[in-house]
Amino acid sequence: MPLSSYGQFEPALAYAAEATEQTMDRLLPKGEEGEARVFQAMRYSSLGGGKRLRAFFVLAGATLFKVGATSALRTASAIEFVHAYSLIHDDLPAMDDDDLRRGKPSCHKQFDEATAILAGDALQALAFEVLAHEATHGDPAVRMVLVSELAKAAGAHGMVGGQMLDLLAETQGRDIPIGTITRLQRLKTGALISFACTAGAILGKAAEPMRAALLAYAHDLGLAFQMIDDLLDVEGNAAEVGKATNKDAAAGKATFVSILGVERARAQASLLAQQAATHLEHFGPSADLLKQAAKFVVQRRA
């Protein structure tokens, strides 16, 4: 049953997660060769957990332009591979030093640091291998745009750049203006969300105004997402969130919550989610799931 046949967000998200998981399972390497340990680490860190929200955005965007299921699922899998790689590296002692991820030991705790680094590297490479394959789209020009846009989102002007800013921010404590925190999070978290939300438009060769509307939606939603993440670090617990909480406060790190306070951060996240939904008016009822996703982002507990 295609995603477009779902009227409510939660069953649609569950479908997107299951369908993407099955596709990822088929695309991930397996075997008993000498390098099997890195295969195991890749599968351990990318399968069997997570909301697959980024995959949902790809599939929901693809339905707006009647993109085929294979193209959408392969693209969704690629972004989930990049996301998994980023979490593996983010958990390393040299980065955020987290022992838990999605309620189980982080990759470097389950295996070792060297294997975790290699698993992350391999997952990133696999993402681009998947996008470049003709099975993802018959038009080489479309595949080239997908590869280029994901590279920008994941690289030094996107997620990696944001992580660098985050590491530098740790040395500055809480004396950081909100504009700097906003830019940091737009890169670290928002860039991948933006790719996920616009990938369907790329696959469907949509007109630029439609892609721009989805980009605006992603821009506001990405900031709301991070504000809720910051709130969960303060108000959540490890059992719900699936990782250690209160780490930012303990480290004296500047976040949206430390700058705005709990109530203002929550109110701002809600406002951003509402604003994100307004960017989708052009699409009419076909964008209802994406509108519901904006509400979910600010109501989630994990």
C-alpha atoms as a PDB file:
ATOM      1  CA  MET A   1       0.000   0.000   0.000  1.00  0.00           C
ATOM      2  CA  PRO A   2       1.630   3.336  -1.047  1.00  0.00           C
ATOM      3  CA  LEU A   3       2.200   6.160   1.422  1.00  0.00           C
ATOM      4  CA  SER A   4      -0.397   8.300  -0.360  1.00  0.00           C
ATOM      5  CA  SER A   5      -3.129   5.871   0.738  1.00  0.00           C
ATOM      6  CA  TYR A   6      -2.602   6.791   4.415  1.00  0.00           C
ATOM      7  CA  GLY A   7      -4.623   9.637   5.887  1.00  0.00           C
ATOM      8  CA  GLN A   8      -3.015   9.744   9.334  1.00  0.00           C
ATOM      9  CA  PHE A   9       0.587  10.499  10.137  1.00  0.00           C
ATOM     10  CA  GLU A  10       1.471   7.751  12.618  1.00  0.00           C
ATOM     11  CA  PRO A  11       0.508   4.758  10.429  1.00  0.00           C
ATOM     12  CA  ALA A  12       2.133   6.527   7.475  1.00  0.00           C
ATOM     13  CA  LEU A  13       5.356   6.946   9.470  1.00  0.00           C
ATOM     14  CA  ALA A  14       5.212   3.268  10.502  1.00  0.00           C
ATOM     15  CA  TYR A  15       4.794   2.240   6.856  1.00  0.00           C
ATOM     16  CA  ALA A  16       7.668   4.486   5.755  1.00  0.00           C
ATOM     17  CA  ALA A  17       9.896   3.046   8.484  1.00  0.00           C
ATOM     18  CA  GLU A  18       9.095  -0.571   7.608  1.00  0.00           C
ATOM     19  CA  ALA A  19       9.403  -0.136   3.847  1.00  0.00           C
ATOM     20  CA  THR A  20      12.666   1.796   4.158  1.00  0.00           C
ATOM     21  CA  GLU A  21      14.072  -0.733   6.638  1.00  0.00           C
ATOM     22  CA  GLN A  22      13.388  -3.564   4.195  1.00  0.00           C
ATOM     23  CA  THR A  23      15.099  -1.656   1.403  1.00  0.00           C
ATOM     24  CA  MET A  24      18.088  -0.820   3.592  1.00  0.00           C
ATOM     25  CA  ASP A  25      18.396  -4.474   4.595  1.00  0.00           C
ATOM     26  CA  ARG A  26      18.632  -5.479   0.936  1.00  0.00           C
ATOM     27  CA  LEU A  27      21.187  -2.762   0.143  1.00  0.00           C
ATOM     28  CA  LEU A  28      23.494  -3.315   3.107  1.00  0.00           C
ATOM     29  CA  PRO A  29      26.403  -5.727   2.631  1.00  0.00           C
ATOM     30  CA  LYS A  30      26.425  -9.070   4.402  1.00  0.00           C
ATOM     31  CA  GLY A  31      28.640 -12.112   4.346  1.00  0.00           C
ATOM     32  CA  GLU A  32      31.343 -14.043   6.158  1.00  0.00           C
ATOM     33  CA  GLU A  33      34.394 -12.608   4.420  1.00  0.00           C
ATOM     34  CA  GLY A  34      37.305 -11.117   6.359  1.00  0.00           C
ATOM     35  CA  GLU A  35      35.615  -7.712   6.358  1.00  0.00           C
ATOM     36  CA  ALA A  36      32.408  -9.155   7.840  1.00  0.00           C
ATOM     37  CA  ARG A  37      32.982  -7.273  11.107  1.00  0.00           C
ATOM     38  CA  VAL A  38      32.454  -3.923   9.410  1.00  0.00           C
ATOM     39  CA  PHE A  39      29.332  -5.312   7.680  1.00  0.00           C
ATOM     40  CA  GLN A  40      27.999  -6.289  11.102  1.00  0.00           C
ATOM     41  CA  ALA A  41      28.730  -2.835  12.530  1.00  0.00           C
ATOM     42  CA  MET A  42      27.019  -1.140   9.570  1.00  0.00           C
ATOM     43  CA  ARG A  43      23.907  -3.266   9.994  1.00  0.00           C
ATOM     44  CA  TYR A  44      23.911  -2.931  13.783  1.00  0.00           C
ATOM     45  CA  SER A  45      23.925   0.858  13.583  1.00  0.00           C
ATOM     46  CA  SER A  46      21.520   1.412  10.709  1.00  0.00           C
ATOM     47  CA  LEU A  47      18.849  -1.284  11.103  1.00  0.00           C
ATOM     48  CA  GLY A  48      16.290  -1.980  13.811  1.00  0.00           C
ATOM     49  CA  GLY A  49      15.805   1.451  15.304  1.00  0.00           C
ATOM     50  CA  GLY A  50      14.936   5.081  14.813  1.00  0.00           C
ATOM     51  CA  LYS A  51      11.763   6.818  13.684  1.00  0.00           C
ATOM     52  CA  ARG A  52      12.915   7.052  10.032  1.00  0.00           C
ATOM     53  CA  LEU A  53      11.544  10.579   9.946  1.00  0.00           C
ATOM     54  CA  ARG A  54      13.952  11.623   7.208  1.00  0.00           C
ATOM     55  CA  ALA A  55      12.888   8.629   5.141  1.00  0.00           C
ATOM     56  CA  PHE A  56       9.269   9.642   5.692  1.00  0.00           C
ATOM     57  CA  PHE A  57      10.010  13.123   4.331  1.00  0.00           C
ATOM     58  CA  VAL A  58      11.515  11.603   1.187  1.00  0.00           C
ATOM     59  CA  LEU A  59       8.533   9.314   0.623  1.00  0.00           C
ATOM     60  CA  ALA A  60       5.950  11.991   1.440  1.00  0.00           C
ATOM     61  CA  GLY A  61       7.630  14.451  -0.903  1.00  0.00           C
ATOM     62  CA  ALA A  62       7.800  11.806  -3.611  1.00  0.00           C
ATOM     63  CA  THR A  63       4.027  11.230  -3.443  1.00  0.00           C
ATOM     64  CA  LEU A  64       3.456  14.893  -4.348  1.00  0.00           C
ATOM     65  CA  PHE A  65       5.091  14.270  -7.728  1.00  0.00           C
ATOM     66  CA  LYS A  66       3.996  10.661  -8.326  1.00  0.00           C
ATOM     67  CA  VAL A  67       7.550   9.292  -8.055  1.00  0.00           C
ATOM     68  CA  GLY A  68       7.877   5.500  -8.250  1.00  0.00           C
ATOM     69  CA  ALA A  69       8.281   3.520  -5.040  1.00  0.00           C
ATOM     70  CA  THR A  70      11.699   2.081  -5.943  1.00  0.00           C
ATOM     71  CA  SER A  71      13.210   5.505  -6.608  1.00  0.00           C
ATOM     72  CA  ALA A  72      11.751   6.955  -3.431  1.00  0.00           C
ATOM     73  CA  LEU A  73      12.776   4.045  -1.191  1.00  0.00           C
ATOM     74  CA  ARG A  74      16.329   3.905  -2.505  1.00  0.00           C
ATOM     75  CA  THR A  75      16.700   7.649  -1.937  1.00  0.00           C
ATOM     76  CA  ALA A  76      15.159   7.338   1.538  1.00  0.00           C
ATOM     77  CA  SER A  77      17.610   4.538   2.325  1.00  0.00           C
ATOM     78  CA  ALA A  78      20.545   6.635   1.169  1.00  0.00           C
ATOM     79  CA  ILE A  79      19.719   9.478   3.534  1.00  0.00           C
ATOM     80  CA  GLU A  80      19.176   7.020   6.390  1.00  0.00           C
ATOM     81  CA  PHE A  81      22.646   5.576   5.709  1.00  0.00           C
ATOM     82  CA  VAL A  82      24.136   9.073   5.952  1.00  0.00           C
ATOM     83  CA  HIS A  83      22.164   9.745   9.127  1.00  0.00           C
ATOM     84  CA  ALA A  84      23.360   6.462  10.665  1.00  0.00           C
ATOM     85  CA  TYR A  85      26.966   7.273   9.770  1.00  0.00           C
ATOM     86  CA  SER A  86      26.624  10.692  11.404  1.00  0.00           C
ATOM     87  CA  LEU A  87      25.278   9.161  14.623  1.00  0.00           C
ATOM     88  CA  ILE A  88      28.099   6.603  14.786  1.00  0.00           C
ATOM     89  CA  HIS A  89      30.718   9.334  14.495  1.00  0.00           C
ATOM     90  CA  ASP A  90      28.777  11.731  16.754  1.00  0.00           C
ATOM     91  CA  ASP A  91      28.829   9.145  19.561  1.00  0.00           C
ATOM     92  CA  LEU A  92      32.610   8.663  19.464  1.00  0.00           C
ATOM     93  CA  PRO A  93      34.717   9.808  22.438  1.00  0.00           C
ATOM     94  CA  ALA A  94      36.302  12.520  20.275  1.00  0.00           C
ATOM     95  CA  MET A  95      32.847  13.977  19.558  1.00  0.00           C
ATOM     96  CA  ASP A  96      29.894  13.729  21.990  1.00  0.00           C
ATOM     97  CA  ASP A  97      31.165  10.606  23.779  1.00  0.00           C
ATOM     98  CA  ASP A  98      27.809   8.825  24.125  1.00  0.00           C
ATOM     99  CA  ASP A  99      27.582   5.217  25.252  1.00  0.00           C
ATOM    100  CA  LEU A 100      23.920   4.779  24.271  1.00  0.00           C
ATOM    101  CA  ARG A 101      22.101   5.231  20.989  1.00  0.00           C
ATOM    102  CA  ARG A 102      18.464   4.279  20.432  1.00  0.00           C
ATOM    103  CA  GLY A 103      18.433   2.453  23.735  1.00  0.00           C
ATOM    104  CA  LYS A 104      21.373   0.151  22.995  1.00  0.00           C
ATOM    105  CA  PRO A 105      25.183   0.456  23.169  1.00  0.00           C
ATOM    106  CA  SER A 106      26.677   2.868  20.671  1.00  0.00           C
ATOM    107  CA  CYS A 107      28.599   1.324  17.795  1.00  0.00           C
ATOM    108  CA  HIS A 108      32.005   1.998  19.339  1.00  0.00           C
ATOM    109  CA  LYS A 109      30.874   0.370  22.601  1.00  0.00           C
ATOM    110  CA  GLN A 110      29.383  -2.671  20.871  1.00  0.00           C
ATOM    111  CA  PHE A 111      32.415  -3.130  18.599  1.00  0.00           C
ATOM    112  CA  ASP A 112      35.376  -0.760  19.035  1.00  0.00           C
ATOM    113  CA  GLU A 113      36.317   2.764  17.994  1.00  0.00           C
ATOM    114  CA  ALA A 114      38.219   1.785  14.868  1.00  0.00           C
ATOM    115  CA  THR A 115      35.412  -0.446  13.614  1.00  0.00           C
ATOM    116  CA  ALA A 116      32.875   2.307  14.356  1.00  0.00           C
ATOM    117  CA  ILE A 117      34.841   4.815  12.291  1.00  0.00           C
ATOM    118  CA  LEU A 118      35.088   2.388   9.385  1.00  0.00           C
ATOM    119  CA  ALA A 119      31.382   1.490   9.614  1.00  0.00           C
ATOM    120  CA  GLY A 120      30.475   5.176   9.446  1.00  0.00           C
ATOM    121  CA  ASP A 121      32.786   5.727   6.484  1.00  0.00           C
ATOM    122  CA  ALA A 122      31.311   2.726   4.677  1.00  0.00           C
ATOM    123  CA  LEU A 123      27.711   3.822   5.293  1.00  0.00           C
ATOM    124  CA  GLN A 124      28.433   7.248   3.846  1.00  0.00           C
ATOM    125  CA  ALA A 125      30.028   5.701   0.766  1.00  0.00           C
ATOM    126  CA  LEU A 126      27.115   3.286   0.362  1.00  0.00           C
ATOM    127  CA  ALA A 127      24.643   6.185   0.342  1.00  0.00           C
ATOM    128  CA  PHE A 128      26.274   7.723  -2.715  1.00  0.00           C
ATOM    129  CA  GLU A 129      26.665   4.339  -4.404  1.00  0.00           C
ATOM    130  CA  VAL A 130      22.902   3.836  -4.035  1.00  0.00           C
ATOM    131  CA  LEU A 131      22.016   7.280  -5.397  1.00  0.00           C
ATOM    132  CA  ALA A 132      24.366   6.934  -8.368  1.00  0.00           C
ATOM    133  CA  HIS A 133      22.886   3.577  -9.441  1.00  0.00           C
ATOM    134  CA  GLU A 134      20.490   3.586 -12.391  1.00  0.00           C
ATOM    135  CA  ALA A 135      17.912   1.716 -10.308  1.00  0.00           C
ATOM    136  CA  THR A 136      17.391   4.933  -8.313  1.00  0.00           C
ATOM    137  CA  HIS A 137      16.346   6.915 -11.395  1.00  0.00           C
ATOM    138  CA  GLY A 138      16.540   6.348 -15.119  1.00  0.00           C
ATOM    139  CA  ASP A 139      17.759   9.877 -15.829  1.00  0.00           C
ATOM    140  CA  PRO A 140      21.487  10.333 -15.122  1.00  0.00           C
ATOM    141  CA  ALA A 141      20.945  14.082 -14.684  1.00  0.00           C
ATOM    142  CA  VAL A 142      18.515  13.443 -11.820  1.00  0.00           C
ATOM    143  CA  ARG A 143      20.961  11.052 -10.160  1.00  0.00           C
ATOM    144  CA  MET A 144      23.697  13.669 -10.504  1.00  0.00           C
ATOM    145  CA  VAL A 145      21.550  16.289  -8.745  1.00  0.00           C
ATOM    146  CA  LEU A 146      20.698  13.838  -5.944  1.00  0.00           C
ATOM    147  CA  VAL A 147      24.371  13.023  -5.389  1.00  0.00           C
ATOM    148  CA  SER A 148      25.370  16.696  -5.516  1.00  0.00           C
ATOM    149  CA  GLU A 149      22.652  17.865  -3.131  1.00  0.00           C
ATOM    150  CA  LEU A 150      23.270  15.111  -0.578  1.00  0.00           C
ATOM    151  CA  ALA A 151      27.015  15.811  -0.740  1.00  0.00           C
ATOM    152  CA  LYS A 152      26.347  19.485   0.055  1.00  0.00           C
ATOM    153  CA  ALA A 153      23.955  18.605   2.866  1.00  0.00           C
ATOM    154  CA  ALA A 154      26.377  16.135   4.452  1.00  0.00           C
ATOM    155  CA  GLY A 155      29.648  17.972   3.893  1.00  0.00           C
ATOM    156  CA  ALA A 156      31.616  20.958   5.126  1.00  0.00           C
ATOM    157  CA  HIS A 157      28.860  23.422   4.195  1.00  0.00           C
ATOM    158  CA  GLY A 158      26.213  21.215   5.813  1.00  0.00           C
ATOM    159  CA  MET A 159      26.178  18.586   8.538  1.00  0.00           C
ATOM    160  CA  VAL A 160      29.960  18.262   8.971  1.00  0.00           C
ATOM    161  CA  GLY A 161      30.359  22.035   9.102  1.00  0.00           C
ATOM    162  CA  GLY A 162      27.630  22.209  11.722  1.00  0.00           C
ATOM    163  CA  GLN A 163      29.352  19.537  13.798  1.00  0.00           C
ATOM    164  CA  MET A 164      32.585  21.535  13.624  1.00  0.00           C
ATOM    165  CA  LEU A 165      30.754  24.634  14.858  1.00  0.00           C
ATOM    166  CA  ASP A 166      29.209  22.532  17.619  1.00  0.00           C
ATOM    167  CA  LEU A 167      32.609  21.342  18.805  1.00  0.00           C
ATOM    168  CA  LEU A 168      33.946  24.901  18.756  1.00  0.00           C
ATOM    169  CA  ALA A 169      30.883  26.093  20.672  1.00  0.00           C
ATOM    170  CA  GLU A 170      31.695  23.715  23.525  1.00  0.00           C
ATOM    171  CA  THR A 171      34.820  25.742  24.265  1.00  0.00           C
ATOM    172  CA  GLN A 172      32.826  28.991  24.419  1.00  0.00           C
ATOM    173  CA  GLY A 173      30.246  27.845  26.966  1.00  0.00           C
ATOM    174  CA  ARG A 174      26.946  29.694  26.932  1.00  0.00           C
ATOM    175  CA  ASP A 175      28.299  33.031  25.706  1.00  0.00           C
ATOM    176  CA  ILE A 176      27.042  32.463  22.183  1.00  0.00           C
ATOM    177  CA  PRO A 177      24.384  34.581  20.461  1.00  0.00           C
ATOM    178  CA  ILE A 178      21.212  32.846  19.287  1.00  0.00           C
ATOM    179  CA  GLY A 179      22.040  33.699  15.669  1.00  0.00           C
ATOM    180  CA  THR A 180      25.176  31.578  15.908  1.00  0.00           C
ATOM    181  CA  ILE A 181      23.273  28.673  17.471  1.00  0.00           C
ATOM    182  CA  THR A 182      20.619  28.943  14.759  1.00  0.00           C
ATOM    183  CA  ARG A 183      23.216  28.771  11.985  1.00  0.00           C
ATOM    184  CA  LEU A 184      24.970  25.862  13.712  1.00  0.00           C
ATOM    185  CA  GLN A 185      21.756  23.844  13.884  1.00  0.00           C
ATOM    186  CA  ARG A 186      20.679  24.731  10.346  1.00  0.00           C
ATOM    187  CA  LEU A 187      23.880  23.097   9.201  1.00  0.00           C
ATOM    188  CA  LYS A 188      24.187  20.212  11.655  1.00  0.00           C
ATOM    189  CA  THR A 189      20.547  19.087  11.701  1.00  0.00           C
ATOM    190  CA  GLY A 190      18.674  21.151   9.142  1.00  0.00           C
ATOM    191  CA  ALA A 191      20.760  20.418   6.056  1.00  0.00           C
ATOM    192  CA  LEU A 192      19.891  16.691   5.944  1.00  0.00           C
ATOM    193  CA  ILE A 193      16.244  17.429   6.702  1.00  0.00           C
ATOM    194  CA  SER A 194      16.220  19.903   3.819  1.00  0.00           C
ATOM    195  CA  PHE A 195      17.587  17.280   1.445  1.00  0.00           C
ATOM    196  CA  ALA A 196      15.024  14.750   2.667  1.00  0.00           C
ATOM    197  CA  CYS A 197      12.141  17.184   2.130  1.00  0.00           C
ATOM    198  CA  THR A 198      13.233  18.219  -1.368  1.00  0.00           C
ATOM    199  CA  ALA A 199      14.450  14.852  -2.686  1.00  0.00           C
ATOM    200  CA  GLY A 200      10.970  13.943  -3.952  1.00  0.00           C
ATOM    201  CA  ALA A 201      10.866  17.153  -5.978  1.00  0.00           C
ATOM    202  CA  ILE A 202      14.270  16.310  -7.486  1.00  0.00           C
ATOM    203  CA  LEU A 203      13.141  12.782  -8.363  1.00  0.00           C
ATOM    204  CA  GLY A 204       9.924  14.140  -9.867  1.00  0.00           C
ATOM    205  CA  LYS A 205      11.681  16.909 -11.833  1.00  0.00           C
ATOM    206  CA  ALA A 206       9.385  19.426 -10.169  1.00  0.00           C
ATOM    207  CA  ALA A 207       9.284  23.100 -11.049  1.00  0.00           C
ATOM    208  CA  GLU A 208      11.548  25.337  -8.973  1.00  0.00           C
ATOM    209  CA  PRO A 209       8.728  27.091  -7.047  1.00  0.00           C
ATOM    210  CA  MET A 210       7.519  23.710  -5.741  1.00  0.00           C
ATOM    211  CA  ARG A 211      11.000  22.721  -4.654  1.00  0.00           C
ATOM    212  CA  ALA A 212      11.439  26.152  -3.026  1.00  0.00           C
ATOM    213  CA  ALA A 213       8.211  25.676  -1.048  1.00  0.00           C
ATOM    214  CA  LEU A 214       9.454  22.343   0.301  1.00  0.00           C
ATOM    215  CA  LEU A 215      12.803  23.902   1.128  1.00  0.00           C
ATOM    216  CA  ALA A 216      11.066  26.649   3.132  1.00  0.00           C
ATOM    217  CA  TYR A 217       9.023  23.992   4.936  1.00  0.00           C
ATOM    218  CA  ALA A 218      12.215  22.095   5.783  1.00  0.00           C
ATOM    219  CA  HIS A 219      13.996  25.242   6.949  1.00  0.00           C
ATOM    220  CA  ASP A 220      11.377  26.012   9.611  1.00  0.00           C
ATOM    221  CA  LEU A 221      10.809  22.373  10.520  1.00  0.00           C
ATOM    222  CA  GLY A 222      14.533  21.707  10.997  1.00  0.00           C
ATOM    223  CA  LEU A 223      14.839  24.490  13.559  1.00  0.00           C
ATOM    224  CA  ALA A 224      11.709  23.308  15.376  1.00  0.00           C
ATOM    225  CA  PHE A 225      13.133  19.778  15.415  1.00  0.00           C
ATOM    226  CA  GLN A 226      16.358  20.933  17.070  1.00  0.00           C
ATOM    227  CA  MET A 227      14.542  23.050  19.640  1.00  0.00           C
ATOM    228  CA  ILE A 228      12.559  19.992  20.691  1.00  0.00           C
ATOM    229  CA  ASP A 229      15.793  17.970  20.815  1.00  0.00           C
ATOM    230  CA  ASP A 230      17.218  20.579  23.185  1.00  0.00           C
ATOM    231  CA  LEU A 231      14.050  20.414  25.298  1.00  0.00           C
ATOM    232  CA  LEU A 232      14.238  16.616  25.422  1.00  0.00           C
ATOM    233  CA  ASP A 233      17.807  16.831  26.685  1.00  0.00           C
ATOM    234  CA  VAL A 234      16.496  18.892  29.608  1.00  0.00           C
ATOM    235  CA  GLU A 235      13.104  17.287  30.227  1.00  0.00           C
ATOM    236  CA  GLY A 236      13.375  13.777  28.798  1.00  0.00           C
ATOM    237  CA  ASN A 237      14.802  10.625  30.309  1.00  0.00           C
ATOM    238  CA  ALA A 238      17.196   8.101  28.840  1.00  0.00           C
ATOM    239  CA  ALA A 239      14.533   5.386  28.582  1.00  0.00           C
ATOM    240  CA  GLU A 240      12.330   7.581  26.386  1.00  0.00           C
ATOM    241  CA  VAL A 241      14.993   9.376  24.408  1.00  0.00           C
ATOM    242  CA  GLY A 242      17.247   6.331  23.931  1.00  0.00           C
ATOM    243  CA  LYS A 243      20.439   8.149  24.926  1.00  0.00           C
ATOM    244  CA  ALA A 244      21.870  10.023  27.892  1.00  0.00           C
ATOM    245  CA  THR A 245      20.124  13.276  28.790  1.00  0.00           C
ATOM    246  CA  ASN A 246      21.170  16.515  30.534  1.00  0.00           C
ATOM    247  CA  LYS A 247      24.537  16.347  28.802  1.00  0.00           C
ATOM    248  CA  ASP A 248      24.346  19.845  27.322  1.00  0.00           C
ATOM    249  CA  ALA A 249      23.584  21.480  30.666  1.00  0.00           C
ATOM    250  CA  ALA A 250      26.306  19.483  32.425  1.00  0.00           C
ATOM    251  CA  ALA A 251      28.814  20.617  29.821  1.00  0.00           C
ATOM    252  CA  GLY A 252      27.696  24.254  30.085  1.00  0.00           C
ATOM    253  CA  LYS A 253      26.863  24.190  26.392  1.00  0.00           C
ATOM    254  CA  ALA A 254      24.753  26.861  24.697  1.00  0.00           C
ATOM    255  CA  THR A 255      21.462  25.544  23.280  1.00  0.00           C
ATOM    256  CA  PHE A 256      18.117  27.025  22.287  1.00  0.00           C
ATOM    257  CA  VAL A 257      16.856  26.138  25.765  1.00  0.00           C
ATOM    258  CA  SER A 258      19.772  27.721  27.621  1.00  0.00           C
ATOM    259  CA  ILE A 259      19.312  30.940  25.625  1.00  0.00           C
ATOM    260  CA  LEU A 260      15.517  31.139  25.344  1.00  0.00           C
ATOM    261  CA  GLY A 261      14.428  29.164  28.387  1.00  0.00           C
ATOM    262  CA  VAL A 262      12.121  26.152  28.372  1.00  0.00           C
ATOM    263  CA  GLU A 263       8.807  27.892  27.743  1.00  0.00           C
ATOM    264  CA  ARG A 264      10.056  30.291  25.062  1.00  0.00           C
ATOM    265  CA  ALA A 265      11.861  27.483  23.267  1.00  0.00           C
ATOM    266  CA  ARG A 266       8.699  25.370  23.272  1.00  0.00           C
ATOM    267  CA  ALA A 267       6.581  28.271  22.049  1.00  0.00           C
ATOM    268  CA  GLN A 268       9.089  29.115  19.314  1.00  0.00           C
ATOM    269  CA  ALA A 269       9.202  25.494  18.149  1.00  0.00           C
ATOM    270  CA  SER A 270       5.395  25.417  17.898  1.00  0.00           C
ATOM    271  CA  LEU A 271       5.373  28.680  15.955  1.00  0.00           C
ATOM    272  CA  LEU A 272       7.996  27.367  13.540  1.00  0.00           C
ATOM    273  CA  ALA A 273       6.020  24.147  12.983  1.00  0.00           C
ATOM    274  CA  GLN A 274       2.877  26.141  12.193  1.00  0.00           C
ATOM    275  CA  GLN A 275       4.864  28.363   9.866  1.00  0.00           C
ATOM    276  CA  ALA A 276       6.342  25.315   8.135  1.00  0.00           C
ATOM    277  CA  ALA A 277       2.860  24.017   7.350  1.00  0.00           C
ATOM    278  CA  THR A 278       1.863  27.295   5.682  1.00  0.00           C
ATOM    279  CA  HIS A 279       4.545  26.787   3.037  1.00  0.00           C
ATOM    280  CA  LEU A 280       2.627  23.719   1.803  1.00  0.00           C
ATOM    281  CA  GLU A 281      -0.673  25.430   0.992  1.00  0.00           C
ATOM    282  CA  HIS A 282       0.095  25.338  -2.729  1.00  0.00           C
ATOM    283  CA  PHE A 283      -0.014  21.524  -2.681  1.00  0.00           C
ATOM    284  CA  GLY A 284      -3.492  21.294  -1.186  1.00  0.00           C
ATOM    285  CA  PRO A 285      -4.708  18.106   0.552  1.00  0.00           C
ATOM    286  CA  SER A 286      -1.896  16.013  -0.948  1.00  0.00           C
ATOM    287  CA  ALA A 287       0.485  17.625   1.566  1.00  0.00           C
ATOM    288  CA  ASP A 288      -1.636  16.775   4.624  1.00  0.00           C
ATOM    289  CA  LEU A 289       0.823  14.136   5.867  1.00  0.00           C
ATOM    290  CA  LEU A 290       3.670  16.638   5.756  1.00  0.00           C
ATOM    291  CA  LYS A 291       1.546  19.103   7.714  1.00  0.00           C
ATOM    292  CA  GLN A 292       0.820  16.419  10.299  1.00  0.00           C
ATOM    293  CA  ALA A 293       4.550  15.675  10.450  1.00  0.00           C
ATOM    294  CA  ALA A 294       5.186  19.263  11.528  1.00  0.00           C
ATOM    295  CA  LYS A 295       2.850  18.761  14.499  1.00  0.00           C
ATOM    296  CA  PHE A 296       4.527  15.461  15.355  1.00  0.00           C
ATOM    297  CA  VAL A 297       7.973  17.073  15.438  1.00  0.00           C
ATOM    298  CA  VAL A 298       6.983  19.425  18.252  1.00  0.00           C
ATOM    299  CA  GLN A 299       4.914  16.890  20.185  1.00  0.00           C
ATOM    300  CA  ARG A 300       7.381  13.988  20.171  1.00  0.00           C
ATOM    301  CA  ARG A 301       8.923  12.611  23.344  1.00  0.00           C
ATOM    302  CA  ALA A 302      11.930  10.914  21.746  1.00  0.00           C
END
